[in-house]
Amino acid sequence: MKQLFYFVTILLLVSSCKNNEATDQDKSTNAQVIQAPTNLSYQVLKIYPHDTSSFTQGLIWHEGKLWEGTGLNNESKLLLTNITTGKAIKRKPLPDNEFGEGITIFNNKIYQLTWENHKVYVYDLTTLKQEKVFDWPYEGWGITHDGQSLIISTGGSNLYWVDAETFKITKTLGVSDNYGYVDSLNELEWVNGFIYANKYLTDYILKIDPKSGLVVGKLDLTGLLQQSNQPIVANTDVLNGIAFNPTTGHFLITGKRWPALYEIKLN
């Protein structure tokens, strides 16, 4: 009888342990479920003219001024633009054989990426005098900063934190959503502790948590030009250009060779 009692007791203990293990596994699995990004809504507040010759790669609103970086060989430049007219106030051309990409302003310097030329130009914000040229091992796509480091996209799913003085990579973050890694990250903007990234060849702007790399929000700007009755011609290209005005809390949005620049408010 004692042997039978011990045998039954052992079976009960084993069964209990298995049940506990299953429960723990279930909890672990549930904890790993990634929520789909929240759909962000917006309201168009104002529409400004935009130069349709500008193949927009980067857009910055800094201390009441609009800066723009453009691309294409023989056409790439850095522009200080009058937002009311869409006309350039200052321009700094890149060499004809170089394809300009994203821009950002950090510590009174403008950083401008190039696409496949592996160069990063650094200009004085006031004079636009070129101060440095850094080498970058990857393609250059989008660039922003978090107040401490530059953050760069290269067309894939990774974001790179970079020391602004040495241009050495200090951190790499993979960006993903509930379906997995998200590629084609392009134009970037740091806003209130999050990174907003245009997904190239789409009308989506993704809101990314820089701690986890998760896409927590998604802004769909499909049909923005059509809804505002803007002319679309053969060379009108994709959405690209995210600037943020911290004074108003509004975004400025445009695209490559778009006829308009939009001031929008997220709801």
C-alpha atoms as a PDB file:
ATOM      1  CA  MET A   1       0.000   0.000   0.000  1.00  0.00           C
ATOM      2  CA  LYS A   2       2.846   2.402   0.841  1.00  0.00           C
ATOM      3  CA  GLN A   3       4.461   1.691  -2.531  1.00  0.00           C
ATOM      4  CA  LEU A   4       1.154   2.381  -4.324  1.00  0.00           C
ATOM      5  CA  PHE A   5       0.686   5.601  -2.319  1.00  0.00           C
ATOM      6  CA  TYR A   6       4.190   6.819  -3.245  1.00  0.00           C
ATOM      7  CA  PHE A   7       3.620   5.907  -6.902  1.00  0.00           C
ATOM      8  CA  VAL A   8       0.337   7.849  -7.072  1.00  0.00           C
ATOM      9  CA  THR A   9       1.911  10.806  -5.277  1.00  0.00           C
ATOM     10  CA  ILE A  10       4.781  10.925  -7.785  1.00  0.00           C
ATOM     11  CA  LEU A  11       2.333  10.821 -10.719  1.00  0.00           C
ATOM     12  CA  LEU A  12       0.390  13.742  -9.259  1.00  0.00           C
ATOM     13  CA  LEU A  13       3.564  15.773  -8.745  1.00  0.00           C
ATOM     14  CA  VAL A  14       4.776  15.113 -12.299  1.00  0.00           C
ATOM     15  CA  SER A  15       1.358  16.050 -13.693  1.00  0.00           C
ATOM     16  CA  SER A  16       1.332  19.255 -11.638  1.00  0.00           C
ATOM     17  CA  CYS A  17       4.799  20.224 -12.855  1.00  0.00           C
ATOM     18  CA  LYS A  18       3.792  19.671 -16.481  1.00  0.00           C
ATOM     19  CA  ASN A  19       0.696  21.803 -16.022  1.00  0.00           C
ATOM     20  CA  ASN A  20       2.799  24.569 -14.490  1.00  0.00           C
ATOM     21  CA  GLU A  21       5.306  24.326 -17.329  1.00  0.00           C
ATOM     22  CA  ALA A  22       2.536  24.596 -19.903  1.00  0.00           C
ATOM     23  CA  THR A  23       1.105  27.596 -18.118  1.00  0.00           C
ATOM     24  CA  ASP A  24       4.517  29.297 -18.041  1.00  0.00           C
ATOM     25  CA  GLN A  25       5.036  28.561 -21.731  1.00  0.00           C
ATOM     26  CA  ASP A  26       1.631  29.986 -22.558  1.00  0.00           C
ATOM     27  CA  LYS A  27       2.437  33.136 -20.596  1.00  0.00           C
ATOM     28  CA  SER A  28       5.765  33.451 -22.406  1.00  0.00           C
ATOM     29  CA  THR A  29       4.094  33.006 -25.799  1.00  0.00           C
ATOM     30  CA  ASN A  30       1.427  35.572 -24.986  1.00  0.00           C
ATOM     31  CA  ALA A  31       4.067  38.024 -23.823  1.00  0.00           C
ATOM     32  CA  GLN A  32       5.788  37.757 -27.212  1.00  0.00           C
ATOM     33  CA  VAL A  33       2.708  38.687 -29.221  1.00  0.00           C
ATOM     34  CA  ILE A  34       3.419  41.967 -31.021  1.00  0.00           C
ATOM     35  CA  GLN A  35       0.537  44.349 -31.428  1.00  0.00           C
ATOM     36  CA  ALA A  36      -0.215  45.786 -34.870  1.00  0.00           C
ATOM     37  CA  PRO A  37       0.731  49.481 -35.237  1.00  0.00           C
ATOM     38  CA  THR A  38      -1.988  51.988 -34.383  1.00  0.00           C
ATOM     39  CA  ASN A  39      -3.478  53.684 -37.430  1.00  0.00           C
ATOM     40  CA  LEU A  40      -2.735  57.392 -37.095  1.00  0.00           C
ATOM     41  CA  SER A  41      -5.198  59.936 -38.467  1.00  0.00           C
ATOM     42  CA  TYR A  42      -4.419  63.461 -39.596  1.00  0.00           C
ATOM     43  CA  GLN A  43      -5.881  66.780 -40.622  1.00  0.00           C
ATOM     44  CA  VAL A  44      -4.523  69.019 -43.399  1.00  0.00           C
ATOM     45  CA  LEU A  45      -4.178  72.549 -42.025  1.00  0.00           C
ATOM     46  CA  LYS A  46      -2.489  74.360 -44.893  1.00  0.00           C
ATOM     47  CA  ILE A  47      -1.049  73.731 -48.339  1.00  0.00           C
ATOM     48  CA  TYR A  48       2.080  75.550 -49.538  1.00  0.00           C
ATOM     49  CA  PRO A  49       3.656  75.588 -53.010  1.00  0.00           C
ATOM     50  CA  HIS A  50       6.605  73.257 -53.613  1.00  0.00           C
ATOM     51  CA  ASP A  51       9.188  73.423 -56.378  1.00  0.00           C
ATOM     52  CA  THR A  52       8.445  70.545 -58.761  1.00  0.00           C
ATOM     53  CA  SER A  53      12.095  70.428 -59.823  1.00  0.00           C
ATOM     54  CA  SER A  54      13.099  69.363 -56.296  1.00  0.00           C
ATOM     55  CA  PHE A  55      13.604  65.602 -55.985  1.00  0.00           C
ATOM     56  CA  THR A  56      13.099  65.790 -52.211  1.00  0.00           C
ATOM     57  CA  GLN A  57      15.270  63.546 -50.057  1.00  0.00           C
ATOM     58  CA  GLY A  58      15.333  65.367 -46.744  1.00  0.00           C
ATOM     59  CA  LEU A  59      13.239  68.064 -45.089  1.00  0.00           C
ATOM     60  CA  ILE A  60      13.939  70.042 -41.909  1.00  0.00           C
ATOM     61  CA  TRP A  61      12.146  72.848 -40.061  1.00  0.00           C
ATOM     62  CA  HIS A  62      14.685  74.608 -37.872  1.00  0.00           C
ATOM     63  CA  GLU A  63      14.137  77.836 -35.956  1.00  0.00           C
ATOM     64  CA  GLY A  64      11.464  79.085 -38.318  1.00  0.00           C
ATOM     65  CA  LYS A  65      13.280  78.116 -41.513  1.00  0.00           C
ATOM     66  CA  LEU A  66      12.668  75.320 -44.018  1.00  0.00           C
ATOM     67  CA  TRP A  67      15.667  73.359 -45.286  1.00  0.00           C
ATOM     68  CA  GLU A  68      15.532  70.765 -48.036  1.00  0.00           C
ATOM     69  CA  GLY A  69      17.992  68.255 -49.466  1.00  0.00           C
ATOM     70  CA  THR A  70      17.420  67.016 -53.009  1.00  0.00           C
ATOM     71  CA  GLY A  71      18.722  64.135 -55.097  1.00  0.00           C
ATOM     72  CA  LEU A  72      19.604  62.936 -58.608  1.00  0.00           C
ATOM     73  CA  ASN A  73      22.944  63.288 -60.350  1.00  0.00           C
ATOM     74  CA  ASN A  74      23.530  66.791 -61.748  1.00  0.00           C
ATOM     75  CA  GLU A  75      20.618  68.097 -59.660  1.00  0.00           C
ATOM     76  CA  SER A  76      21.464  67.405 -56.003  1.00  0.00           C
ATOM     77  CA  LYS A  77      21.600  70.391 -53.684  1.00  0.00           C
ATOM     78  CA  LEU A  78      20.955  71.755 -50.216  1.00  0.00           C
ATOM     79  CA  LEU A  79      18.283  74.453 -50.125  1.00  0.00           C
ATOM     80  CA  LEU A  80      17.019  77.056 -47.709  1.00  0.00           C
ATOM     81  CA  THR A  81      13.461  77.533 -48.950  1.00  0.00           C
ATOM     82  CA  ASN A  82      10.825  80.214 -48.513  1.00  0.00           C
ATOM     83  CA  ILE A  83       7.869  78.159 -47.328  1.00  0.00           C
ATOM     84  CA  THR A  84       5.340  80.725 -48.555  1.00  0.00           C
ATOM     85  CA  THR A  85       6.578  80.817 -52.159  1.00  0.00           C
ATOM     86  CA  GLY A  86       8.380  77.480 -52.443  1.00  0.00           C
ATOM     87  CA  LYS A  87      11.389  79.305 -53.913  1.00  0.00           C
ATOM     88  CA  ALA A  88      14.994  78.821 -52.791  1.00  0.00           C
ATOM     89  CA  ILE A  89      16.621  81.556 -50.707  1.00  0.00           C
ATOM     90  CA  LYS A  90      20.013  79.817 -50.567  1.00  0.00           C
ATOM     91  CA  ARG A  91      21.366  76.823 -52.430  1.00  0.00           C
ATOM     92  CA  LYS A  92      24.449  74.666 -52.085  1.00  0.00           C
ATOM     93  CA  PRO A  93      24.952  72.276 -55.026  1.00  0.00           C
ATOM     94  CA  LEU A  94      26.649  68.895 -54.713  1.00  0.00           C
ATOM     95  CA  PRO A  95      29.150  67.689 -57.314  1.00  0.00           C
ATOM     96  CA  ASP A  96      27.394  66.639 -60.529  1.00  0.00           C
ATOM     97  CA  ASN A  97      28.276  62.963 -60.098  1.00  0.00           C
ATOM     98  CA  GLU A  98      26.855  62.737 -56.570  1.00  0.00           C
ATOM     99  CA  PHE A  99      23.288  61.858 -55.545  1.00  0.00           C
ATOM    100  CA  GLY A 100      22.103  63.764 -52.477  1.00  0.00           C
ATOM    101  CA  GLU A 101      19.977  62.156 -49.779  1.00  0.00           C
ATOM    102  CA  GLY A 102      18.678  62.987 -46.292  1.00  0.00           C
ATOM    103  CA  ILE A 103      19.648  65.999 -44.187  1.00  0.00           C
ATOM    104  CA  THR A 104      19.564  66.950 -40.519  1.00  0.00           C
ATOM    105  CA  ILE A 105      20.707  69.882 -38.375  1.00  0.00           C
ATOM    106  CA  PHE A 106      22.682  69.106 -35.230  1.00  0.00           C
ATOM    107  CA  ASN A 107      24.820  71.431 -33.097  1.00  0.00           C
ATOM    108  CA  ASN A 108      24.571  74.252 -35.662  1.00  0.00           C
ATOM    109  CA  LYS A 109      25.799  72.038 -38.466  1.00  0.00           C
ATOM    110  CA  ILE A 110      23.938  70.580 -41.429  1.00  0.00           C
ATOM    111  CA  TYR A 111      24.660  66.955 -42.281  1.00  0.00           C
ATOM    112  CA  GLN A 112      23.808  65.795 -45.807  1.00  0.00           C
ATOM    113  CA  LEU A 113      24.041  62.177 -46.918  1.00  0.00           C
ATOM    114  CA  THR A 114      24.781  60.910 -50.405  1.00  0.00           C
ATOM    115  CA  TRP A 115      23.242  57.741 -51.780  1.00  0.00           C
ATOM    116  CA  GLU A 116      25.943  55.477 -53.258  1.00  0.00           C
ATOM    117  CA  ASN A 117      28.873  57.876 -53.041  1.00  0.00           C
ATOM    118  CA  HIS A 118      29.561  56.965 -49.376  1.00  0.00           C
ATOM    119  CA  LYS A 119      30.095  60.617 -48.465  1.00  0.00           C
ATOM    120  CA  VAL A 120      28.498  62.731 -45.764  1.00  0.00           C
ATOM    121  CA  TYR A 121      28.892  66.499 -46.064  1.00  0.00           C
ATOM    122  CA  VAL A 122      28.968  68.740 -43.002  1.00  0.00           C
ATOM    123  CA  TYR A 123      28.210  72.456 -43.436  1.00  0.00           C
ATOM    124  CA  ASP A 124      28.200  75.429 -41.130  1.00  0.00           C
ATOM    125  CA  LEU A 125      24.533  76.296 -40.564  1.00  0.00           C
ATOM    126  CA  THR A 126      25.019  80.046 -40.999  1.00  0.00           C
ATOM    127  CA  THR A 127      27.467  80.278 -43.896  1.00  0.00           C
ATOM    128  CA  LEU A 128      26.890  76.883 -45.585  1.00  0.00           C
ATOM    129  CA  LYS A 129      30.658  76.557 -45.759  1.00  0.00           C
ATOM    130  CA  GLN A 130      31.677  72.912 -46.038  1.00  0.00           C
ATOM    131  CA  GLU A 131      33.559  71.936 -42.876  1.00  0.00           C
ATOM    132  CA  LYS A 132      34.024  68.174 -43.156  1.00  0.00           C
ATOM    133  CA  VAL A 133      33.398  65.182 -45.379  1.00  0.00           C
ATOM    134  CA  PHE A 134      32.894  61.836 -43.643  1.00  0.00           C
ATOM    135  CA  ASP A 135      33.058  58.382 -45.208  1.00  0.00           C
ATOM    136  CA  TRP A 136      29.977  56.186 -44.696  1.00  0.00           C
ATOM    137  CA  PRO A 137      30.236  52.445 -45.483  1.00  0.00           C
ATOM    138  CA  TYR A 138      26.595  51.967 -46.505  1.00  0.00           C
ATOM    139  CA  GLU A 139      24.146  53.675 -48.816  1.00  0.00           C
ATOM    140  CA  GLY A 140      22.859  56.921 -47.354  1.00  0.00           C
ATOM    141  CA  TRP A 141      19.065  57.311 -47.180  1.00  0.00           C
ATOM    142  CA  GLY A 142      17.583  59.200 -44.208  1.00  0.00           C
ATOM    143  CA  ILE A 143      19.140  61.006 -41.260  1.00  0.00           C
ATOM    144  CA  THR A 144      17.914  62.618 -38.032  1.00  0.00           C
ATOM    145  CA  HIS A 145      19.179  62.930 -34.460  1.00  0.00           C
ATOM    146  CA  ASP A 146      17.958  62.395 -30.901  1.00  0.00           C
ATOM    147  CA  GLY A 147      19.831  65.312 -29.354  1.00  0.00           C
ATOM    148  CA  GLN A 148      22.881  63.177 -28.647  1.00  0.00           C
ATOM    149  CA  SER A 149      23.605  61.043 -31.716  1.00  0.00           C
ATOM    150  CA  LEU A 150      22.851  61.065 -35.411  1.00  0.00           C
ATOM    151  CA  ILE A 151      20.470  58.333 -36.605  1.00  0.00           C
ATOM    152  CA  ILE A 152      20.779  57.017 -40.166  1.00  0.00           C
ATOM    153  CA  SER A 153      18.744  54.713 -42.405  1.00  0.00           C
ATOM    154  CA  THR A 154      20.257  52.815 -45.327  1.00  0.00           C
ATOM    155  CA  GLY A 155      17.205  51.471 -47.144  1.00  0.00           C
ATOM    156  CA  GLY A 156      16.921  48.289 -45.108  1.00  0.00           C
ATOM    157  CA  SER A 157      15.342  47.541 -41.735  1.00  0.00           C
ATOM    158  CA  ASN A 158      18.234  48.789 -39.596  1.00  0.00           C
ATOM    159  CA  LEU A 159      18.709  52.200 -38.037  1.00  0.00           C
ATOM    160  CA  TYR A 160      22.235  53.243 -37.033  1.00  0.00           C
ATOM    161  CA  TRP A 161      23.163  55.566 -34.172  1.00  0.00           C
ATOM    162  CA  VAL A 162      26.310  57.471 -35.141  1.00  0.00           C
ATOM    163  CA  ASP A 163      28.745  59.704 -33.247  1.00  0.00           C
ATOM    164  CA  ALA A 164      28.536  63.138 -34.904  1.00  0.00           C
ATOM    165  CA  GLU A 165      32.231  63.924 -34.350  1.00  0.00           C
ATOM    166  CA  THR A 166      33.796  60.678 -35.560  1.00  0.00           C
ATOM    167  CA  PHE A 167      30.941  59.195 -37.609  1.00  0.00           C
ATOM    168  CA  LYS A 168      31.476  55.844 -35.923  1.00  0.00           C
ATOM    169  CA  ILE A 169      28.442  53.600 -35.410  1.00  0.00           C
ATOM    170  CA  THR A 170      27.574  53.275 -31.724  1.00  0.00           C
ATOM    171  CA  LYS A 171      24.326  51.315 -31.943  1.00  0.00           C
ATOM    172  CA  THR A 172      22.314  49.334 -34.480  1.00  0.00           C
ATOM    173  CA  LEU A 173      18.561  48.784 -34.136  1.00  0.00           C
ATOM    174  CA  GLY A 174      16.388  46.503 -36.244  1.00  0.00           C
ATOM    175  CA  VAL A 175      12.900  47.863 -36.956  1.00  0.00           C
ATOM    176  CA  SER A 176       9.947  45.458 -37.022  1.00  0.00           C
ATOM    177  CA  ASP A 177       6.189  45.267 -36.739  1.00  0.00           C
ATOM    178  CA  ASN A 178       3.742  42.421 -36.094  1.00  0.00           C
ATOM    179  CA  TYR A 179       4.714  40.819 -39.413  1.00  0.00           C
ATOM    180  CA  GLY A 180       8.483  40.959 -38.911  1.00  0.00           C
ATOM    181  CA  TYR A 181      11.272  43.254 -40.016  1.00  0.00           C
ATOM    182  CA  VAL A 182      10.300  46.395 -41.948  1.00  0.00           C
ATOM    183  CA  ASP A 183      12.600  47.367 -44.812  1.00  0.00           C
ATOM    184  CA  SER A 184      12.893  50.418 -47.098  1.00  0.00           C
ATOM    185  CA  LEU A 185      13.184  52.873 -44.206  1.00  0.00           C
ATOM    186  CA  ASN A 186      13.970  56.217 -45.785  1.00  0.00           C
ATOM    187  CA  GLU A 187      13.457  59.836 -44.659  1.00  0.00           C
ATOM    188  CA  LEU A 188      13.645  60.194 -40.862  1.00  0.00           C
ATOM    189  CA  GLU A 189      12.460  62.687 -38.257  1.00  0.00           C
ATOM    190  CA  TRP A 190      12.866  62.529 -34.474  1.00  0.00           C
ATOM    191  CA  VAL A 191       9.697  63.777 -32.758  1.00  0.00           C
ATOM    192  CA  ASN A 192       9.032  63.723 -29.013  1.00  0.00           C
ATOM    193  CA  GLY A 193      11.005  60.567 -28.327  1.00  0.00           C
ATOM    194  CA  PHE A 194       9.916  58.631 -31.431  1.00  0.00           C
ATOM    195  CA  ILE A 195      11.354  58.217 -34.919  1.00  0.00           C
ATOM    196  CA  TYR A 196       9.059  58.877 -37.861  1.00  0.00           C
ATOM    197  CA  ALA A 197      10.211  57.162 -41.052  1.00  0.00           C
ATOM    198  CA  ASN A 198       8.884  57.223 -44.571  1.00  0.00           C
ATOM    199  CA  LYS A 199       8.715  53.710 -46.032  1.00  0.00           C
ATOM    200  CA  TYR A 200      10.111  54.142 -49.539  1.00  0.00           C
ATOM    201  CA  LEU A 201       7.769  53.560 -52.501  1.00  0.00           C
ATOM    202  CA  THR A 202       4.737  53.773 -50.220  1.00  0.00           C
ATOM    203  CA  ASP A 203       2.530  56.532 -48.838  1.00  0.00           C
ATOM    204  CA  TYR A 204       3.180  55.350 -45.282  1.00  0.00           C
ATOM    205  CA  ILE A 205       5.009  57.130 -42.479  1.00  0.00           C
ATOM    206  CA  LEU A 206       5.908  54.802 -39.610  1.00  0.00           C
ATOM    207  CA  LYS A 207       6.181  55.815 -35.952  1.00  0.00           C
ATOM    208  CA  ILE A 208       9.021  53.804 -34.395  1.00  0.00           C
ATOM    209  CA  ASP A 209       9.875  53.251 -30.734  1.00  0.00           C
ATOM    210  CA  PRO A 210      13.674  53.789 -30.592  1.00  0.00           C
ATOM    211  CA  LYS A 211      14.009  51.581 -27.506  1.00  0.00           C
ATOM    212  CA  SER A 212      12.413  48.431 -28.923  1.00  0.00           C
ATOM    213  CA  GLY A 213      12.554  49.057 -32.665  1.00  0.00           C
ATOM    214  CA  LEU A 214       8.837  48.320 -32.909  1.00  0.00           C
ATOM    215  CA  VAL A 215       6.559  50.224 -35.262  1.00  0.00           C
ATOM    216  CA  VAL A 216       3.898  51.552 -32.913  1.00  0.00           C
ATOM    217  CA  GLY A 217       1.991  53.775 -35.341  1.00  0.00           C
ATOM    218  CA  LYS A 218       1.296  54.036 -39.059  1.00  0.00           C
ATOM    219  CA  LEU A 219       0.206  57.136 -40.965  1.00  0.00           C
ATOM    220  CA  ASP A 220      -1.393  56.441 -44.351  1.00  0.00           C
ATOM    221  CA  LEU A 221      -1.145  59.446 -46.682  1.00  0.00           C
ATOM    222  CA  THR A 222      -2.466  57.676 -49.762  1.00  0.00           C
ATOM    223  CA  GLY A 223      -4.203  60.060 -52.152  1.00  0.00           C
ATOM    224  CA  LEU A 224      -2.973  63.219 -50.441  1.00  0.00           C
ATOM    225  CA  LEU A 225      -2.214  64.989 -53.722  1.00  0.00           C
ATOM    226  CA  GLN A 226      -5.441  63.872 -55.379  1.00  0.00           C
ATOM    227  CA  GLN A 227      -7.613  64.861 -52.431  1.00  0.00           C
ATOM    228  CA  SER A 228      -6.281  68.407 -52.569  1.00  0.00           C
ATOM    229  CA  ASN A 229      -6.682  68.611 -56.359  1.00  0.00           C
ATOM    230  CA  GLN A 230      -2.977  69.046 -57.028  1.00  0.00           C
ATOM    231  CA  PRO A 231      -1.673  68.482 -60.580  1.00  0.00           C
ATOM    232  CA  ILE A 232       0.059  65.146 -61.053  1.00  0.00           C
ATOM    233  CA  VAL A 233       2.374  64.987 -64.052  1.00  0.00           C
ATOM    234  CA  ALA A 234       4.653  62.326 -65.471  1.00  0.00           C
ATOM    235  CA  ASN A 235       7.610  63.106 -63.220  1.00  0.00           C
ATOM    236  CA  THR A 236       5.628  63.453 -59.972  1.00  0.00           C
ATOM    237  CA  ASP A 237       7.266  60.854 -57.741  1.00  0.00           C
ATOM    238  CA  VAL A 238       6.703  59.253 -54.342  1.00  0.00           C
ATOM    239  CA  LEU A 239       6.043  60.673 -50.886  1.00  0.00           C
ATOM    240  CA  ASN A 240       9.302  61.695 -49.216  1.00  0.00           C
ATOM    241  CA  GLY A 241       9.928  64.551 -46.822  1.00  0.00           C
ATOM    242  CA  ILE A 242       9.066  64.799 -43.117  1.00  0.00           C
ATOM    243  CA  ALA A 243       9.696  67.943 -41.073  1.00  0.00           C
ATOM    244  CA  PHE A 244       8.358  68.805 -37.628  1.00  0.00           C
ATOM    245  CA  ASN A 245       7.668  72.218 -36.135  1.00  0.00           C
ATOM    246  CA  PRO A 246       8.065  71.876 -32.343  1.00  0.00           C
ATOM    247  CA  THR A 247       6.445  75.263 -31.775  1.00  0.00           C
ATOM    248  CA  THR A 248       3.122  74.294 -33.363  1.00  0.00           C
ATOM    249  CA  GLY A 249       3.372  70.507 -33.024  1.00  0.00           C
ATOM    250  CA  HIS A 250       2.578  70.198 -36.732  1.00  0.00           C
ATOM    251  CA  PHE A 251       4.295  68.208 -39.470  1.00  0.00           C
ATOM    252  CA  LEU A 252       5.345  69.402 -42.919  1.00  0.00           C
ATOM    253  CA  ILE A 253       5.025  66.713 -45.571  1.00  0.00           C
ATOM    254  CA  THR A 254       5.930  66.613 -49.260  1.00  0.00           C
ATOM    255  CA  GLY A 255       7.314  64.277 -51.935  1.00  0.00           C
ATOM    256  CA  LYS A 256       9.774  64.047 -54.788  1.00  0.00           C
ATOM    257  CA  ARG A 257       8.838  66.688 -57.378  1.00  0.00           C
ATOM    258  CA  TRP A 258       5.523  67.297 -55.646  1.00  0.00           C
ATOM    259  CA  PRO A 259       3.704  70.561 -56.463  1.00  0.00           C
ATOM    260  CA  ALA A 260       2.661  71.028 -52.819  1.00  0.00           C
ATOM    261  CA  LEU A 261       3.948  70.877 -49.269  1.00  0.00           C
ATOM    262  CA  TYR A 262       1.374  70.071 -46.571  1.00  0.00           C
ATOM    263  CA  GLU A 263       1.135  71.262 -43.008  1.00  0.00           C
ATOM    264  CA  ILE A 264      -0.690  68.531 -41.125  1.00  0.00           C
ATOM    265  CA  LYS A 265      -1.745  67.817 -37.573  1.00  0.00           C
ATOM    266  CA  LEU A 266      -1.973  64.302 -36.178  1.00  0.00           C
ATOM    267  CA  ASN A 267      -5.265  63.675 -34.394  1.00  0.00           C
END
